[in-house]
Amino acid sequence: MGSSFNPQILVEKLAKLNNSQASIETLSHWCIFHMNKAKQVVETWDRQFHCSPRKQRLAFLYLANAILQNSRRKGSEFVGEFWKVLPDALRDVIESGDEFGRNDALRLISVWEKRKVFSSRGQILKEELFGRQSECNNRNGRHINPKLLKQPVGDTVDKIVLGYQFLYCSQMDEDVIFSKCRNAISCKNIFNIVTFNIIVRIF
C-alpha cells in the first residue's frame, strides 16, 4: 500500500484544498491510504502550509485533524509526524490569523486534548497555545484574565463569565458580568416561582 506515493501529486491536491467537507474527506482518505509514507505526507503538508495563502491555512488544519482522527485505529504514524509540525502551524494561525481562524484552531487543540490524540502531550500543547492566545489578546488591547483559562470551572455563573470573556474578548469587569448574570438568573427564578404559584391556584 502506498508504493505509488508521489509528493508532487500531494502538492497539486493541497493547492486545490478548501474548507468543504468533501474536499477535506477526499484528501484525508488519500493521505491515509499512503500511511506508510506518513513522514513524506506530513513534510509535504508542512511545506505547503507555510507557503499557502493565509485564508487557506485553516483548511490545512482541518485536513490534519481528519487524518489524525481517522488514522489512529490503523497506527500512530501520522500522530508522531504531525506532532513535529503542528505546534508551529497552530501558532501561525493563532498569532496571525483572523478571529474565526484563531477560535477554530483553539477548538481543534481542545478536541485533541480531550480525545488524547497526542496522549499527555496534548495538555502541554493546549496550555502553551491557549496562553499565547491570551498574550495575543493583551497585545491587541483585549484583556482576558489568564486565571480564567486555567482554573476549574465552577457553577453556572462561572461558566457564563468564562465563555463570555474567552469568546468575545470582553474588557468588561468580571464583577459587572457576575452581577448581570446573577440578576438574570434571579429574575428567571422569580418568574418560575410566580408562574408555578399561578398554576397551582388555577388548578
N, C-alpha and C. Protein backbone atom coordinates (compact mmCIF):
# COMPACT_ATOMS: atom_id res chain seq x y z
N MET A 1 0.84 -1.20 0.00
CA MET A 1 0.00 0.00 0.00
C MET A 1 0.88 1.25 0.00
N GLY A 2 0.52 2.22 -0.83
CA GLY A 2 1.22 3.49 -0.80
C GLY A 2 2.51 3.50 -1.57
N SER A 3 2.84 2.41 -2.33
CA SER A 3 4.11 2.36 -3.05
C SER A 3 4.18 3.38 -4.17
N SER A 4 3.02 3.85 -4.64
CA SER A 4 3.00 4.80 -5.75
C SER A 4 2.91 6.25 -5.28
N PHE A 5 3.18 6.49 -4.01
CA PHE A 5 3.08 7.86 -3.49
C PHE A 5 4.05 8.79 -4.21
N ASN A 6 3.51 9.94 -4.62
CA ASN A 6 4.31 10.96 -5.30
C ASN A 6 4.05 12.30 -4.62
N PRO A 7 5.07 12.90 -3.99
CA PRO A 7 4.86 14.17 -3.28
C PRO A 7 4.27 15.26 -4.17
N GLN A 8 4.63 15.27 -5.44
CA GLN A 8 4.13 16.32 -6.33
C GLN A 8 2.62 16.22 -6.51
N ILE A 9 2.11 14.99 -6.51
CA ILE A 9 0.66 14.81 -6.62
C ILE A 9 -0.02 15.41 -5.39
N LEU A 10 0.57 15.19 -4.23
CA LEU A 10 0.01 15.77 -3.00
C LEU A 10 0.07 17.29 -3.04
N VAL A 11 1.16 17.85 -3.56
CA VAL A 11 1.27 19.30 -3.69
C VAL A 11 0.11 19.84 -4.53
N GLU A 12 -0.18 19.18 -5.62
CA GLU A 12 -1.27 19.62 -6.50
C GLU A 12 -2.62 19.49 -5.81
N LYS A 13 -2.80 18.43 -5.05
CA LYS A 13 -4.06 18.24 -4.34
C LYS A 13 -4.23 19.29 -3.23
N LEU A 14 -3.14 19.59 -2.53
CA LEU A 14 -3.20 20.59 -1.47
C LEU A 14 -3.51 21.98 -2.02
N ALA A 15 -3.04 22.26 -3.22
CA ALA A 15 -3.30 23.57 -3.83
C ALA A 15 -4.79 23.77 -4.08
N LYS A 16 -5.52 22.67 -4.24
CA LYS A 16 -6.96 22.74 -4.52
C LYS A 16 -7.80 22.57 -3.25
N LEU A 17 -7.15 22.37 -2.11
CA LEU A 17 -7.87 22.12 -0.86
C LEU A 17 -8.70 23.32 -0.45
N ASN A 18 -9.92 23.06 0.02
CA ASN A 18 -10.76 24.12 0.57
C ASN A 18 -11.44 23.62 1.84
N ASN A 19 -12.27 24.46 2.44
CA ASN A 19 -12.88 24.13 3.73
C ASN A 19 -14.06 23.18 3.66
N SER A 20 -14.47 22.78 2.46
CA SER A 20 -15.64 21.92 2.35
C SER A 20 -15.34 20.53 2.89
N GLN A 21 -16.38 19.90 3.42
CA GLN A 21 -16.23 18.56 3.99
C GLN A 21 -15.77 17.57 2.93
N ALA A 22 -16.31 17.70 1.72
CA ALA A 22 -15.95 16.77 0.64
C ALA A 22 -14.46 16.88 0.30
N SER A 23 -13.96 18.11 0.21
CA SER A 23 -12.56 18.31 -0.12
C SER A 23 -11.64 17.73 0.95
N ILE A 24 -11.97 17.98 2.20
CA ILE A 24 -11.14 17.51 3.32
C ILE A 24 -11.19 15.99 3.45
N GLU A 25 -12.39 15.42 3.36
CA GLU A 25 -12.52 13.97 3.50
C GLU A 25 -11.82 13.23 2.37
N THR A 26 -11.99 13.72 1.15
CA THR A 26 -11.38 13.05 -0.01
C THR A 26 -9.86 13.02 0.12
N LEU A 27 -9.27 14.17 0.45
CA LEU A 27 -7.81 14.23 0.54
C LEU A 27 -7.29 13.49 1.78
N SER A 28 -8.04 13.52 2.88
CA SER A 28 -7.59 12.80 4.08
C SER A 28 -7.57 11.29 3.81
N HIS A 29 -8.56 10.79 3.09
CA HIS A 29 -8.58 9.36 2.76
C HIS A 29 -7.40 8.99 1.86
N TRP A 30 -7.07 9.89 0.94
CA TRP A 30 -5.93 9.64 0.04
C TRP A 30 -4.64 9.59 0.86
N CYS A 31 -4.49 10.51 1.80
CA CYS A 31 -3.28 10.53 2.64
C CYS A 31 -3.19 9.29 3.51
N ILE A 32 -4.32 8.89 4.10
CA ILE A 32 -4.32 7.70 4.96
C ILE A 32 -4.01 6.45 4.15
N PHE A 33 -4.46 6.43 2.90
CA PHE A 33 -4.14 5.30 2.02
C PHE A 33 -2.62 5.14 1.89
N HIS A 34 -1.91 6.27 1.94
CA HIS A 34 -0.45 6.26 1.84
C HIS A 34 0.18 6.38 3.24
N MET A 35 -0.39 5.68 4.19
CA MET A 35 0.03 5.82 5.58
C MET A 35 1.49 5.42 5.79
N ASN A 36 1.98 4.47 5.01
CA ASN A 36 3.38 4.06 5.20
C ASN A 36 4.35 5.11 4.68
N LYS A 37 3.81 6.18 4.10
CA LYS A 37 4.62 7.33 3.68
C LYS A 37 4.26 8.55 4.53
N ALA A 38 3.85 8.29 5.77
CA ALA A 38 3.37 9.37 6.64
C ALA A 38 4.38 10.50 6.77
N LYS A 39 5.64 10.16 6.89
CA LYS A 39 6.68 11.19 7.05
C LYS A 39 6.70 12.13 5.85
N GLN A 40 6.65 11.58 4.64
CA GLN A 40 6.68 12.40 3.44
C GLN A 40 5.38 13.19 3.27
N VAL A 41 4.26 12.55 3.63
CA VAL A 41 2.97 13.24 3.55
C VAL A 41 2.98 14.47 4.44
N VAL A 42 3.42 14.31 5.69
CA VAL A 42 3.38 15.42 6.65
C VAL A 42 4.43 16.48 6.30
N GLU A 43 5.59 16.07 5.84
CA GLU A 43 6.60 17.05 5.44
C GLU A 43 6.10 17.90 4.27
N THR A 44 5.40 17.26 3.34
CA THR A 44 4.82 18.00 2.21
C THR A 44 3.71 18.92 2.71
N TRP A 45 2.87 18.40 3.59
CA TRP A 45 1.80 19.22 4.20
C TRP A 45 2.40 20.46 4.85
N ASP A 46 3.48 20.29 5.59
CA ASP A 46 4.10 21.39 6.32
C ASP A 46 4.66 22.44 5.36
N ARG A 47 5.36 22.01 4.34
CA ARG A 47 5.93 22.96 3.37
C ARG A 47 4.83 23.76 2.69
N GLN A 48 3.79 23.06 2.27
CA GLN A 48 2.71 23.74 1.54
C GLN A 48 1.88 24.63 2.45
N PHE A 49 1.75 24.24 3.71
CA PHE A 49 1.03 25.08 4.67
C PHE A 49 1.67 26.46 4.75
N HIS A 50 2.98 26.49 4.91
CA HIS A 50 3.68 27.76 5.14
C HIS A 50 3.82 28.61 3.88
N CYS A 51 3.57 28.04 2.72
CA CYS A 51 3.61 28.87 1.51
C CYS A 51 2.22 29.04 0.89
N SER A 52 1.19 28.58 1.59
CA SER A 52 -0.17 28.72 1.08
C SER A 52 -0.75 30.08 1.45
N PRO A 53 -1.79 30.53 0.75
CA PRO A 53 -2.46 31.78 1.13
C PRO A 53 -3.00 31.66 2.55
N ARG A 54 -2.97 32.75 3.29
CA ARG A 54 -3.38 32.70 4.69
C ARG A 54 -4.81 32.22 4.85
N LYS A 55 -5.68 32.57 3.92
CA LYS A 55 -7.08 32.17 4.03
C LYS A 55 -7.28 30.67 3.86
N GLN A 56 -6.27 29.97 3.32
CA GLN A 56 -6.38 28.53 3.10
C GLN A 56 -5.80 27.72 4.25
N ARG A 57 -5.10 28.35 5.16
CA ARG A 57 -4.35 27.61 6.18
C ARG A 57 -5.25 26.89 7.18
N LEU A 58 -6.43 27.43 7.42
CA LEU A 58 -7.35 26.74 8.32
C LEU A 58 -7.79 25.41 7.71
N ALA A 59 -7.95 25.38 6.39
CA ALA A 59 -8.30 24.13 5.71
C ALA A 59 -7.20 23.08 5.91
N PHE A 60 -5.95 23.53 5.94
CA PHE A 60 -4.84 22.61 6.20
C PHE A 60 -4.97 22.00 7.60
N LEU A 61 -5.38 22.81 8.58
CA LEU A 61 -5.57 22.29 9.93
C LEU A 61 -6.74 21.30 9.98
N TYR A 62 -7.82 21.61 9.26
CA TYR A 62 -8.95 20.68 9.19
C TYR A 62 -8.50 19.35 8.58
N LEU A 63 -7.66 19.43 7.55
CA LEU A 63 -7.16 18.22 6.91
C LEU A 63 -6.32 17.41 7.89
N ALA A 64 -5.42 18.08 8.61
CA ALA A 64 -4.60 17.39 9.61
C ALA A 64 -5.48 16.70 10.65
N ASN A 65 -6.52 17.40 11.08
CA ASN A 65 -7.44 16.83 12.07
C ASN A 65 -8.11 15.57 11.52
N ALA A 66 -8.59 15.62 10.28
CA ALA A 66 -9.26 14.47 9.68
C ALA A 66 -8.31 13.28 9.57
N ILE A 67 -7.07 13.55 9.17
CA ILE A 67 -6.08 12.48 9.05
C ILE A 67 -5.79 11.87 10.43
N LEU A 68 -5.59 12.72 11.42
CA LEU A 68 -5.28 12.24 12.77
C LEU A 68 -6.42 11.40 13.34
N GLN A 69 -7.64 11.92 13.22
CA GLN A 69 -8.79 11.23 13.83
C GLN A 69 -9.08 9.89 13.15
N ASN A 70 -8.92 9.85 11.83
CA ASN A 70 -9.33 8.65 11.09
C ASN A 70 -8.22 7.63 10.89
N SER A 71 -6.99 7.99 11.23
CA SER A 71 -5.89 7.04 11.03
C SER A 71 -5.45 6.36 12.32
N ARG A 72 -5.92 6.84 13.46
CA ARG A 72 -5.42 6.33 14.74
C ARG A 72 -5.70 4.84 14.93
N ARG A 73 -6.82 4.37 14.38
CA ARG A 73 -7.15 2.95 14.53
C ARG A 73 -6.17 2.06 13.77
N LYS A 74 -5.51 2.64 12.78
CA LYS A 74 -4.61 1.86 11.93
C LYS A 74 -3.15 1.96 12.37
N GLY A 75 -2.83 2.95 13.18
CA GLY A 75 -1.45 3.12 13.62
C GLY A 75 -1.19 4.55 14.05
N SER A 76 -0.01 4.77 14.61
CA SER A 76 0.32 6.09 15.18
C SER A 76 1.30 6.88 14.30
N GLU A 77 1.50 6.43 13.07
CA GLU A 77 2.49 7.09 12.21
C GLU A 77 2.20 8.58 12.03
N PHE A 78 0.96 8.91 11.72
CA PHE A 78 0.62 10.31 11.48
C PHE A 78 0.66 11.13 12.77
N VAL A 79 0.31 10.50 13.89
CA VAL A 79 0.35 11.22 15.17
C VAL A 79 1.77 11.69 15.46
N GLY A 80 2.72 10.79 15.29
CA GLY A 80 4.12 11.15 15.56
C GLY A 80 4.65 12.21 14.61
N GLU A 81 4.28 12.12 13.34
CA GLU A 81 4.79 13.07 12.35
C GLU A 81 4.13 14.44 12.50
N PHE A 82 2.82 14.46 12.71
CA PHE A 82 2.13 15.75 12.84
C PHE A 82 2.54 16.48 14.12
N TRP A 83 2.90 15.71 15.16
CA TRP A 83 3.34 16.36 16.39
C TRP A 83 4.57 17.24 16.15
N LYS A 84 5.38 16.89 15.16
CA LYS A 84 6.60 17.65 14.87
C LYS A 84 6.30 19.00 14.23
N VAL A 85 5.18 19.11 13.53
CA VAL A 85 4.95 20.32 12.73
C VAL A 85 3.71 21.13 13.15
N LEU A 86 2.75 20.48 13.80
CA LEU A 86 1.50 21.18 14.13
C LEU A 86 1.67 22.35 15.10
N PRO A 87 2.52 22.24 16.13
CA PRO A 87 2.64 23.40 17.03
C PRO A 87 2.98 24.70 16.31
N ASP A 88 3.92 24.66 15.37
CA ASP A 88 4.28 25.88 14.63
C ASP A 88 3.14 26.34 13.74
N ALA A 89 2.44 25.39 13.11
CA ALA A 89 1.32 25.76 12.25
C ALA A 89 0.20 26.40 13.07
N LEU A 90 -0.07 25.84 14.23
CA LEU A 90 -1.11 26.40 15.10
C LEU A 90 -0.73 27.79 15.59
N ARG A 91 0.52 27.97 15.97
CA ARG A 91 0.98 29.30 16.40
C ARG A 91 0.77 30.32 15.30
N ASP A 92 1.06 29.91 14.08
CA ASP A 92 0.90 30.81 12.93
C ASP A 92 -0.54 31.29 12.81
N VAL A 93 -1.49 30.36 12.91
CA VAL A 93 -2.91 30.72 12.76
C VAL A 93 -3.39 31.53 13.96
N ILE A 94 -2.97 31.14 15.17
CA ILE A 94 -3.42 31.83 16.38
C ILE A 94 -2.86 33.25 16.46
N GLU A 95 -1.61 33.42 16.09
CA GLU A 95 -0.97 34.72 16.24
C GLU A 95 -1.21 35.65 15.05
N SER A 96 -1.42 35.09 13.86
CA SER A 96 -1.51 35.93 12.67
C SER A 96 -2.84 35.82 11.93
N GLY A 97 -3.68 34.86 12.31
CA GLY A 97 -4.94 34.68 11.61
C GLY A 97 -6.03 35.60 12.13
N ASP A 98 -7.21 35.52 11.50
CA ASP A 98 -8.33 36.33 11.97
C ASP A 98 -8.99 35.64 13.17
N GLU A 99 -10.00 36.29 13.73
CA GLU A 99 -10.62 35.76 14.95
C GLU A 99 -11.27 34.41 14.72
N PHE A 100 -11.91 34.23 13.56
CA PHE A 100 -12.54 32.95 13.25
C PHE A 100 -11.50 31.84 13.21
N GLY A 101 -10.37 32.12 12.55
CA GLY A 101 -9.30 31.12 12.45
C GLY A 101 -8.72 30.78 13.81
N ARG A 102 -8.50 31.82 14.64
CA ARG A 102 -7.95 31.58 15.98
C ARG A 102 -8.88 30.70 16.80
N ASN A 103 -10.18 31.02 16.77
CA ASN A 103 -11.14 30.25 17.56
C ASN A 103 -11.20 28.79 17.11
N ASP A 104 -11.15 28.56 15.80
CA ASP A 104 -11.21 27.19 15.31
C ASP A 104 -9.93 26.43 15.62
N ALA A 105 -8.79 27.11 15.56
CA ALA A 105 -7.52 26.47 15.91
C ALA A 105 -7.54 26.05 17.38
N LEU A 106 -8.03 26.93 18.25
CA LEU A 106 -8.12 26.61 19.67
C LEU A 106 -9.12 25.48 19.92
N ARG A 107 -10.19 25.47 19.14
CA ARG A 107 -11.18 24.39 19.29
C ARG A 107 -10.56 23.04 18.93
N LEU A 108 -9.77 23.01 17.86
CA LEU A 108 -9.11 21.76 17.47
C LEU A 108 -8.16 21.28 18.57
N ILE A 109 -7.42 22.21 19.16
CA ILE A 109 -6.50 21.85 20.24
C ILE A 109 -7.27 21.22 21.40
N SER A 110 -8.41 21.80 21.74
CA SER A 110 -9.23 21.25 22.83
C SER A 110 -9.75 19.86 22.50
N VAL A 111 -10.16 19.66 21.25
CA VAL A 111 -10.64 18.35 20.82
C VAL A 111 -9.53 17.31 20.93
N TRP A 112 -8.34 17.66 20.46
CA TRP A 112 -7.22 16.71 20.52
C TRP A 112 -6.84 16.39 21.96
N GLU A 113 -6.90 17.41 22.82
CA GLU A 113 -6.56 17.17 24.22
C GLU A 113 -7.62 16.28 24.88
N LYS A 114 -8.89 16.54 24.59
CA LYS A 114 -9.97 15.76 25.18
C LYS A 114 -9.93 14.31 24.72
N ARG A 115 -9.64 14.10 23.45
CA ARG A 115 -9.62 12.74 22.89
C ARG A 115 -8.25 12.09 23.00
N LYS A 116 -7.31 12.81 23.61
CA LYS A 116 -5.96 12.30 23.85
C LYS A 116 -5.29 11.81 22.56
N VAL A 117 -5.47 12.59 21.51
CA VAL A 117 -4.85 12.26 20.23
C VAL A 117 -3.33 12.21 20.37
N PHE A 118 -2.78 13.17 21.12
CA PHE A 118 -1.33 13.21 21.33
C PHE A 118 -0.96 12.74 22.74
N SER A 119 -1.82 11.93 23.35
CA SER A 119 -1.61 11.44 24.71
C SER A 119 -1.44 12.62 25.67
N SER A 120 -0.50 12.52 26.60
CA SER A 120 -0.32 13.57 27.60
C SER A 120 0.24 14.86 27.01
N ARG A 121 0.83 14.76 25.82
CA ARG A 121 1.41 15.96 25.19
C ARG A 121 0.33 16.95 24.79
N GLY A 122 -0.89 16.46 24.60
CA GLY A 122 -1.98 17.34 24.20
C GLY A 122 -2.27 18.42 25.23
N GLN A 123 -2.14 18.07 26.52
CA GLN A 123 -2.37 19.05 27.58
C GLN A 123 -1.30 20.13 27.55
N ILE A 124 -0.06 19.74 27.29
CA ILE A 124 1.03 20.70 27.20
C ILE A 124 0.79 21.67 26.04
N LEU A 125 0.38 21.11 24.91
CA LEU A 125 0.10 21.93 23.73
C LEU A 125 -1.03 22.91 24.02
N LYS A 126 -2.06 22.44 24.68
CA LYS A 126 -3.21 23.29 25.00
C LYS A 126 -2.81 24.43 25.92
N GLU A 127 -2.06 24.12 26.97
CA GLU A 127 -1.67 25.16 27.92
C GLU A 127 -0.79 26.21 27.26
N GLU A 128 0.13 25.77 26.41
CA GLU A 128 1.04 26.72 25.77
C GLU A 128 0.30 27.62 24.79
N LEU A 129 -0.53 27.04 23.92
CA LEU A 129 -1.14 27.83 22.87
C LEU A 129 -2.33 28.64 23.37
N PHE A 130 -3.05 28.16 24.39
CA PHE A 130 -4.09 28.98 24.98
C PHE A 130 -3.46 30.18 25.68
N GLY A 131 -2.27 29.96 26.25
CA GLY A 131 -1.54 31.06 26.86
C GLY A 131 -1.11 32.08 25.83
N ARG A 132 -0.69 31.60 24.65
CA ARG A 132 -0.29 32.51 23.58
C ARG A 132 -1.48 33.33 23.10
N GLN A 133 -2.66 32.69 23.06
CA GLN A 133 -3.86 33.42 22.65
C GLN A 133 -4.16 34.54 23.63
N SER A 134 -3.97 34.27 24.92
CA SER A 134 -4.19 35.30 25.93
C SER A 134 -3.22 36.45 25.75
N GLU A 135 -1.94 36.13 25.48
CA GLU A 135 -0.94 37.18 25.26
C GLU A 135 -1.27 37.99 24.02
N CYS A 136 -1.74 37.31 22.99
CA CYS A 136 -2.10 37.99 21.74
C CYS A 136 -3.24 38.96 21.98
N ASN A 137 -4.24 38.54 22.76
CA ASN A 137 -5.36 39.42 23.06
C ASN A 137 -4.90 40.64 23.86
N ASN A 138 -3.98 40.42 24.80
CA ASN A 138 -3.49 41.52 25.61
C ASN A 138 -2.73 42.53 24.76
N ARG A 139 -1.95 42.02 23.78
CA ARG A 139 -1.22 42.93 22.89
C ARG A 139 -2.17 43.75 22.04
N ASN A 140 -3.33 43.17 21.73
CA ASN A 140 -4.31 43.87 20.91
C ASN A 140 -5.25 44.73 21.75
N GLY A 141 -4.95 44.82 23.05
CA GLY A 141 -5.77 45.65 23.92
C GLY A 141 -7.01 44.97 24.43
N ARG A 142 -7.11 43.65 24.23
CA ARG A 142 -8.27 42.91 24.71
C ARG A 142 -7.81 42.00 25.82
N HIS A 143 -8.29 42.24 27.03
CA HIS A 143 -7.78 41.52 28.20
C HIS A 143 -8.67 40.34 28.55
N ILE A 144 -8.04 39.19 28.72
CA ILE A 144 -8.72 38.02 29.27
C ILE A 144 -7.94 37.60 30.50
N ASN A 145 -8.61 37.50 31.61
CA ASN A 145 -7.94 37.10 32.84
C ASN A 145 -7.33 35.72 32.65
N PRO A 146 -5.98 35.58 32.68
CA PRO A 146 -5.35 34.28 32.44
C PRO A 146 -5.76 33.23 33.44
N LYS A 147 -6.17 33.64 34.66
CA LYS A 147 -6.59 32.67 35.66
C LYS A 147 -7.84 31.94 35.20
N LEU A 148 -8.69 32.63 34.43
CA LEU A 148 -9.92 32.00 33.97
C LEU A 148 -9.66 30.88 32.99
N LEU A 149 -8.53 30.95 32.26
CA LEU A 149 -8.23 29.92 31.28
C LEU A 149 -7.70 28.66 31.95
N LYS A 150 -7.25 28.76 33.21
CA LYS A 150 -6.61 27.62 33.86
C LYS A 150 -7.42 27.07 35.02
N GLN A 151 -8.22 27.92 35.68
CA GLN A 151 -8.88 27.45 36.88
C GLN A 151 -10.07 26.56 36.54
N PRO A 152 -10.44 25.63 37.45
CA PRO A 152 -11.60 24.78 37.21
C PRO A 152 -12.85 25.63 37.11
N VAL A 153 -13.75 25.25 36.22
CA VAL A 153 -14.99 25.99 36.05
C VAL A 153 -15.98 25.53 37.09
N GLY A 154 -16.57 26.48 37.82
CA GLY A 154 -17.45 26.13 38.92
C GLY A 154 -18.90 26.11 38.51
N ASP A 155 -19.71 27.01 39.14
CA ASP A 155 -21.14 26.99 38.92
C ASP A 155 -21.50 27.59 37.57
N THR A 156 -22.80 27.67 37.32
CA THR A 156 -23.28 28.15 36.02
C THR A 156 -22.81 29.56 35.72
N VAL A 157 -22.82 30.43 36.73
CA VAL A 157 -22.40 31.81 36.52
C VAL A 157 -20.94 31.86 36.10
N ASP A 158 -20.09 31.05 36.75
CA ASP A 158 -18.67 31.00 36.38
C ASP A 158 -18.52 30.62 34.91
N LYS A 159 -19.31 29.63 34.48
CA LYS A 159 -19.21 29.17 33.09
C LYS A 159 -19.61 30.27 32.12
N ILE A 160 -20.65 31.02 32.48
CA ILE A 160 -21.10 32.09 31.61
C ILE A 160 -20.03 33.17 31.49
N VAL A 161 -19.44 33.54 32.61
CA VAL A 161 -18.39 34.57 32.60
C VAL A 161 -17.20 34.11 31.78
N LEU A 162 -16.77 32.87 32.01
CA LEU A 162 -15.62 32.34 31.28
C LEU A 162 -15.89 32.34 29.78
N GLY A 163 -17.07 31.85 29.40
CA GLY A 163 -17.41 31.81 27.99
C GLY A 163 -17.49 33.19 27.37
N TYR A 164 -18.10 34.13 28.10
CA TYR A 164 -18.25 35.49 27.60
C TYR A 164 -16.90 36.14 27.37
N GLN A 165 -16.01 36.03 28.35
CA GLN A 165 -14.71 36.68 28.22
C GLN A 165 -13.83 36.00 27.19
N PHE A 166 -13.88 34.67 27.14
CA PHE A 166 -12.99 33.96 26.22
C PHE A 166 -13.42 34.13 24.77
N LEU A 167 -14.73 33.96 24.51
CA LEU A 167 -15.20 34.01 23.13
C LEU A 167 -15.24 35.42 22.58
N TYR A 168 -15.60 36.40 23.43
CA TYR A 168 -15.79 37.75 22.92
C TYR A 168 -14.69 38.72 23.35
N CYS A 169 -13.68 38.20 24.04
CA CYS A 169 -12.54 39.03 24.46
C CYS A 169 -13.02 40.31 25.13
N SER A 170 -14.02 40.17 25.99
CA SER A 170 -14.63 41.34 26.60
C SER A 170 -13.70 42.01 27.59
N GLN A 171 -13.74 43.35 27.61
CA GLN A 171 -12.98 44.11 28.59
C GLN A 171 -13.85 44.43 29.81
N MET A 172 -15.09 43.99 29.82
CA MET A 172 -15.99 44.28 30.92
C MET A 172 -15.46 43.67 32.21
N ASP A 173 -15.59 44.39 33.29
CA ASP A 173 -15.12 43.91 34.58
C ASP A 173 -15.87 42.64 34.98
N GLU A 174 -15.14 41.68 35.58
CA GLU A 174 -15.75 40.41 35.97
C GLU A 174 -16.92 40.61 36.92
N ASP A 175 -16.79 41.55 37.88
CA ASP A 175 -17.87 41.77 38.85
C ASP A 175 -19.15 42.23 38.16
N VAL A 176 -18.98 43.04 37.11
CA VAL A 176 -20.15 43.52 36.37
C VAL A 176 -20.84 42.36 35.68
N ILE A 177 -20.03 41.46 35.06
CA ILE A 177 -20.61 40.30 34.37
C ILE A 177 -21.31 39.40 35.38
N PHE A 178 -20.66 39.14 36.52
CA PHE A 178 -21.27 38.31 37.56
C PHE A 178 -22.61 38.90 38.00
N SER A 179 -22.63 40.22 38.22
CA SER A 179 -23.84 40.88 38.68
C SER A 179 -24.97 40.73 37.68
N LYS A 180 -24.65 40.96 36.40
CA LYS A 180 -25.67 40.84 35.35
C LYS A 180 -26.19 39.40 35.26
N CYS A 181 -25.27 38.44 35.35
CA CYS A 181 -25.68 37.03 35.26
C CYS A 181 -26.57 36.64 36.42
N ARG A 182 -26.16 37.03 37.63
CA ARG A 182 -26.94 36.67 38.82
C ARG A 182 -28.31 37.33 38.80
N ASN A 183 -28.37 38.59 38.34
CA ASN A 183 -29.66 39.27 38.25
C ASN A 183 -30.58 38.56 37.27
N ALA A 184 -29.99 38.14 36.13
CA ALA A 184 -30.78 37.44 35.12
C ALA A 184 -31.30 36.12 35.66
N ILE A 185 -30.41 35.38 36.36
CA ILE A 185 -30.82 34.09 36.92
C ILE A 185 -31.87 34.29 38.01
N SER A 186 -31.67 35.33 38.83
CA SER A 186 -32.62 35.62 39.90
C SER A 186 -33.99 35.95 39.34
N CYS A 187 -34.02 36.77 38.27
CA CYS A 187 -35.29 37.14 37.64
C CYS A 187 -35.99 35.91 37.08
N LYS A 188 -35.19 35.02 36.48
CA LYS A 188 -35.77 33.80 35.92
C LYS A 188 -36.37 32.94 37.02
N ASN A 189 -35.66 32.83 38.16
CA ASN A 189 -36.17 32.02 39.27
C ASN A 189 -37.46 32.60 39.82
N ILE A 190 -37.51 33.94 39.95
CA ILE A 190 -38.72 34.59 40.46
C ILE A 190 -39.88 34.33 39.51
N PHE A 191 -39.61 34.45 38.20
CA PHE A 191 -40.65 34.21 37.20
C PHE A 191 -41.17 32.79 37.31
N ASN A 192 -40.25 31.82 37.48
CA ASN A 192 -40.67 30.42 37.59
C ASN A 192 -41.53 30.18 38.82
N ILE A 193 -41.16 30.83 39.95
CA ILE A 193 -41.92 30.66 41.19
C ILE A 193 -43.32 31.24 41.04
N VAL A 194 -43.40 32.46 40.49
CA VAL A 194 -44.71 33.11 40.30
C VAL A 194 -45.58 32.29 39.37
N THR A 195 -44.99 31.82 38.28
CA THR A 195 -45.75 31.01 37.31
C THR A 195 -46.27 29.74 37.96
N PHE A 196 -45.44 29.10 38.78
CA PHE A 196 -45.85 27.87 39.47
C PHE A 196 -47.01 28.14 40.41
N ASN A 197 -46.93 29.26 41.17
CA ASN A 197 -48.00 29.60 42.12
C ASN A 197 -49.31 29.87 41.40
N ILE A 198 -49.23 30.54 40.25
CA ILE A 198 -50.44 30.83 39.48
C ILE A 198 -51.09 29.54 39.00
N ILE A 199 -50.25 28.62 38.51
CA ILE A 199 -50.77 27.34 38.01
C ILE A 199 -51.42 26.56 39.14
N VAL A 200 -50.79 26.57 40.33
CA VAL A 200 -51.33 25.85 41.48
C VAL A 200 -52.69 26.41 41.87
N ARG A 201 -52.81 27.75 41.85
CA ARG A 201 -54.07 28.37 42.24
C ARG A 201 -55.18 28.07 41.23
N ILE A 202 -54.81 28.02 39.96
CA ILE A 202 -55.81 27.76 38.92
C ILE A 202 -56.37 26.35 39.06
N PHE A 203 -55.48 25.41 39.36
CA PHE A 203 -55.92 24.01 39.43
C PHE A 203 -56.21 23.58 40.86
